[in-house]
């Protein structure tokens, strides 16, 4: 999976992660690792640009949740824990503190809404509006 990383300026510096393709079990760990690297480098605000993501699986949802946890100073659930990792997501739904989602297409939006992520993550139509929200 290709993940473009750029910087933007809201009221605070914002890292923008823009993955391309499907976000699924074959690559979700790459997204978590990229989020961890940004956090370790000092990023405190991240916009996840989903405009080039055509599909998000349950593993992709875990990756999004994990980045939110990392930004809150928590460790994400170990994906090797299987379904336990998904139960952990349900037990800590407020993982979104400094993570904004931007530009999801119709299928991705439908998935995010179906699992209730629209209640926990702020979702914006584009990166500019997501950055401006910080």
C-alpha atoms as a PDB file:
ATOM      1  CA  UNK A   1       0.000   0.000   0.000  1.00  0.00           C
ATOM      2  CA  UNK A   2       1.266   3.431  -0.874  1.00  0.00           C
ATOM      3  CA  UNK A   3       0.803   5.999   1.904  1.00  0.00           C
ATOM      4  CA  UNK A   4       1.614   9.608   1.089  1.00  0.00           C
ATOM      5  CA  UNK A   5       2.554  11.720   4.103  1.00  0.00           C
ATOM      6  CA  UNK A   6       2.413  15.508   3.962  1.00  0.00           C
ATOM      7  CA  UNK A   7       2.262  18.334   6.461  1.00  0.00           C
ATOM      8  CA  UNK A   8      -0.401  21.014   6.699  1.00  0.00           C
ATOM      9  CA  UNK A   9      -1.008  23.896   9.056  1.00  0.00           C
ATOM     10  CA  UNK A  10      -4.246  24.400  10.943  1.00  0.00           C
ATOM     11  CA  UNK A  11      -4.147  26.146  14.294  1.00  0.00           C
ATOM     12  CA  UNK A  12      -1.552  23.434  14.999  1.00  0.00           C
ATOM     13  CA  UNK A  13       0.727  21.457  12.683  1.00  0.00           C
ATOM     14  CA  UNK A  14      -1.187  18.568  11.094  1.00  0.00           C
ATOM     15  CA  UNK A  15       0.213  15.426   9.494  1.00  0.00           C
ATOM     16  CA  UNK A  16      -1.840  14.184   6.549  1.00  0.00           C
ATOM     17  CA  UNK A  17      -1.740  10.461   5.773  1.00  0.00           C
ATOM     18  CA  UNK A  18      -3.164   9.523   2.380  1.00  0.00           C
ATOM     19  CA  UNK A  19      -3.291   5.782   1.727  1.00  0.00           C
ATOM     20  CA  UNK A  20      -4.181   4.514  -1.740  1.00  0.00           C
ATOM     21  CA  UNK A  21      -6.178   1.431  -2.705  1.00  0.00           C
ATOM     22  CA  UNK A  22      -7.990  -0.954  -0.433  1.00  0.00           C
ATOM     23  CA  UNK A  23      -7.409  -0.856   3.316  1.00  0.00           C
ATOM     24  CA  UNK A  24      -7.679  -4.462   4.403  1.00  0.00           C
ATOM     25  CA  UNK A  25      -5.957  -7.392   6.050  1.00  0.00           C
ATOM     26  CA  UNK A  26      -3.106  -7.332   3.560  1.00  0.00           C
ATOM     27  CA  UNK A  27      -1.910  -3.851   4.522  1.00  0.00           C
ATOM     28  CA  UNK A  28      -3.610  -2.484   7.643  1.00  0.00           C
ATOM     29  CA  UNK A  29      -0.440  -2.931   9.714  1.00  0.00           C
ATOM     30  CA  UNK A  30       1.402  -0.596   7.308  1.00  0.00           C
ATOM     31  CA  UNK A  31      -1.089   2.147   8.139  1.00  0.00           C
ATOM     32  CA  UNK A  32      -0.733   1.552  11.882  1.00  0.00           C
ATOM     33  CA  UNK A  33       3.059   1.610  11.536  1.00  0.00           C
ATOM     34  CA  UNK A  34       2.922   4.887   9.580  1.00  0.00           C
ATOM     35  CA  UNK A  35       0.705   6.408  12.269  1.00  0.00           C
ATOM     36  CA  UNK A  36       3.067   5.203  14.993  1.00  0.00           C
ATOM     37  CA  UNK A  37       6.068   6.725  13.181  1.00  0.00           C
ATOM     38  CA  UNK A  38       4.280  10.063  12.891  1.00  0.00           C
ATOM     39  CA  UNK A  39       3.338   9.995  16.572  1.00  0.00           C
ATOM     40  CA  UNK A  40       6.898   9.034  17.557  1.00  0.00           C
ATOM     41  CA  UNK A  41       8.196  11.948  15.445  1.00  0.00           C
ATOM     42  CA  UNK A  42       6.010  14.330  17.447  1.00  0.00           C
ATOM     43  CA  UNK A  43       2.755  14.488  15.483  1.00  0.00           C
ATOM     44  CA  UNK A  44      -0.194  15.273  17.727  1.00  0.00           C
ATOM     45  CA  UNK A  45      -2.819  15.857  15.013  1.00  0.00           C
ATOM     46  CA  UNK A  46      -3.425  13.617  12.011  1.00  0.00           C
ATOM     47  CA  UNK A  47      -5.841  13.786   9.094  1.00  0.00           C
ATOM     48  CA  UNK A  48      -6.419  10.444   7.407  1.00  0.00           C
ATOM     49  CA  UNK A  49      -7.259  11.262   3.799  1.00  0.00           C
ATOM     50  CA  UNK A  50      -9.481   8.418   2.589  1.00  0.00           C
ATOM     51  CA  UNK A  51     -10.244   9.919  -0.824  1.00  0.00           C
ATOM     52  CA  UNK A  52      -8.091   7.322  -2.626  1.00  0.00           C
ATOM     53  CA  UNK A  53      -9.301   4.364  -0.556  1.00  0.00           C
ATOM     54  CA  UNK A  54     -11.914   2.291  -2.356  1.00  0.00           C
ATOM     55  CA  UNK A  55     -12.711  -0.191   0.416  1.00  0.00           C
ATOM     56  CA  UNK A  56     -12.166  -0.558   4.163  1.00  0.00           C
ATOM     57  CA  UNK A  57     -12.388  -4.014   5.750  1.00  0.00           C
ATOM     58  CA  UNK A  58     -12.654  -4.823   9.444  1.00  0.00           C
ATOM     59  CA  UNK A  59      -8.844  -4.870   9.586  1.00  0.00           C
ATOM     60  CA  UNK A  60      -8.835  -1.383   8.062  1.00  0.00           C
ATOM     61  CA  UNK A  61     -11.263  -0.227  10.740  1.00  0.00           C
ATOM     62  CA  UNK A  62      -8.880  -1.631  13.342  1.00  0.00           C
ATOM     63  CA  UNK A  63      -6.056   0.396  11.772  1.00  0.00           C
ATOM     64  CA  UNK A  64      -8.060   3.630  11.966  1.00  0.00           C
ATOM     65  CA  UNK A  65      -9.001   2.935  15.577  1.00  0.00           C
ATOM     66  CA  UNK A  66      -5.376   2.080  16.416  1.00  0.00           C
ATOM     67  CA  UNK A  67      -4.068   5.399  15.085  1.00  0.00           C
ATOM     68  CA  UNK A  68      -6.627   7.221  17.215  1.00  0.00           C
ATOM     69  CA  UNK A  69      -5.432   5.308  20.272  1.00  0.00           C
ATOM     70  CA  UNK A  70      -1.791   6.064  19.490  1.00  0.00           C
ATOM     71  CA  UNK A  71      -2.590   9.777  19.377  1.00  0.00           C
ATOM     72  CA  UNK A  72      -4.134   9.438  22.838  1.00  0.00           C
ATOM     73  CA  UNK A  73      -0.959   7.841  24.179  1.00  0.00           C
ATOM     74  CA  UNK A  74      -2.479   4.371  24.351  1.00  0.00           C
ATOM     75  CA  UNK A  75      -1.305   1.145  22.808  1.00  0.00           C
ATOM     76  CA  UNK A  76      -3.604  -0.306  20.169  1.00  0.00           C
ATOM     77  CA  UNK A  77      -4.892  -3.848  20.601  1.00  0.00           C
ATOM     78  CA  UNK A  78      -2.617  -6.548  19.260  1.00  0.00           C
ATOM     79  CA  UNK A  79      -4.121  -7.678  15.932  1.00  0.00           C
ATOM     80  CA  UNK A  80      -2.835 -11.183  16.671  1.00  0.00           C
ATOM     81  CA  UNK A  81      -5.432 -11.224  19.455  1.00  0.00           C
ATOM     82  CA  UNK A  82      -8.045 -11.803  16.733  1.00  0.00           C
ATOM     83  CA  UNK A  83     -11.611 -10.982  17.665  1.00  0.00           C
ATOM     84  CA  UNK A  84     -10.379  -9.704  21.007  1.00  0.00           C
ATOM     85  CA  UNK A  85      -8.900  -6.749  19.139  1.00  0.00           C
ATOM     86  CA  UNK A  86     -12.343  -5.930  17.751  1.00  0.00           C
ATOM     87  CA  UNK A  87     -13.940  -6.266  21.177  1.00  0.00           C
ATOM     88  CA  UNK A  88     -11.319  -3.831  22.469  1.00  0.00           C
ATOM     89  CA  UNK A  89     -12.508  -1.309  19.859  1.00  0.00           C
ATOM     90  CA  UNK A  90     -16.037  -1.568  21.245  1.00  0.00           C
ATOM     91  CA  UNK A  91     -14.764  -1.013  24.780  1.00  0.00           C
ATOM     92  CA  UNK A  92     -12.913   2.197  23.865  1.00  0.00           C
ATOM     93  CA  UNK A  93     -14.899   3.877  21.103  1.00  0.00           C
ATOM     94  CA  UNK A  94     -13.648   7.391  21.855  1.00  0.00           C
ATOM     95  CA  UNK A  95     -10.308   6.838  20.181  1.00  0.00           C
ATOM     96  CA  UNK A  96     -10.613   9.842  17.922  1.00  0.00           C
ATOM     97  CA  UNK A  97      -9.205  12.698  19.964  1.00  0.00           C
ATOM     98  CA  UNK A  98      -6.750  14.103  17.403  1.00  0.00           C
ATOM     99  CA  UNK A  99      -7.580  12.031  14.347  1.00  0.00           C
ATOM    100  CA  UNK A 100      -9.860  13.385  11.622  1.00  0.00           C
ATOM    101  CA  UNK A 101     -11.063  11.440   8.579  1.00  0.00           C
ATOM    102  CA  UNK A 102     -11.337  13.221   5.247  1.00  0.00           C
ATOM    103  CA  UNK A 103     -12.819  12.587   1.827  1.00  0.00           C
ATOM    104  CA  UNK A 104     -14.193   9.061   2.074  1.00  0.00           C
ATOM    105  CA  UNK A 105     -16.033   7.888  -1.021  1.00  0.00           C
ATOM    106  CA  UNK A 106     -19.582   6.499  -0.859  1.00  0.00           C
ATOM    107  CA  UNK A 107     -18.620   2.883  -0.117  1.00  0.00           C
ATOM    108  CA  UNK A 108     -16.133   3.850   2.595  1.00  0.00           C
ATOM    109  CA  UNK A 109     -18.618   6.329   4.086  1.00  0.00           C
ATOM    110  CA  UNK A 110     -21.248   3.600   4.178  1.00  0.00           C
ATOM    111  CA  UNK A 111     -18.837   1.286   6.018  1.00  0.00           C
ATOM    112  CA  UNK A 112     -17.831   3.973   8.515  1.00  0.00           C
ATOM    113  CA  UNK A 113     -21.477   4.761   9.259  1.00  0.00           C
ATOM    114  CA  UNK A 114     -22.517   1.116   9.443  1.00  0.00           C
ATOM    115  CA  UNK A 115     -20.050   0.444  12.254  1.00  0.00           C
ATOM    116  CA  UNK A 116     -20.754   3.740  14.016  1.00  0.00           C
ATOM    117  CA  UNK A 117     -17.423   5.417  13.347  1.00  0.00           C
ATOM    118  CA  UNK A 118     -19.225   8.593  12.330  1.00  0.00           C
ATOM    119  CA  UNK A 119     -20.202   8.960  16.009  1.00  0.00           C
ATOM    120  CA  UNK A 120     -16.584   8.742  17.213  1.00  0.00           C
ATOM    121  CA  UNK A 121     -14.489  10.224  14.429  1.00  0.00           C
ATOM    122  CA  UNK A 122     -15.049  13.596  12.845  1.00  0.00           C
ATOM    123  CA  UNK A 123     -15.466  13.033   9.107  1.00  0.00           C
ATOM    124  CA  UNK A 124     -14.925  15.870   6.638  1.00  0.00           C
ATOM    125  CA  UNK A 125     -15.560  16.086   2.893  1.00  0.00           C
ATOM    126  CA  UNK A 126     -11.942  17.031   2.143  1.00  0.00           C
ATOM    127  CA  UNK A 127      -8.511  17.456   3.675  1.00  0.00           C
ATOM    128  CA  UNK A 128      -8.686  21.272   3.790  1.00  0.00           C
ATOM    129  CA  UNK A 129     -11.788  21.271   5.990  1.00  0.00           C
ATOM    130  CA  UNK A 130     -10.363  18.537   8.219  1.00  0.00           C
ATOM    131  CA  UNK A 131      -7.118  20.481   8.709  1.00  0.00           C
ATOM    132  CA  UNK A 132      -9.057  23.675   9.402  1.00  0.00           C
ATOM    133  CA  UNK A 133     -10.916  21.849  12.198  1.00  0.00           C
ATOM    134  CA  UNK A 134      -7.703  21.587  14.225  1.00  0.00           C
END
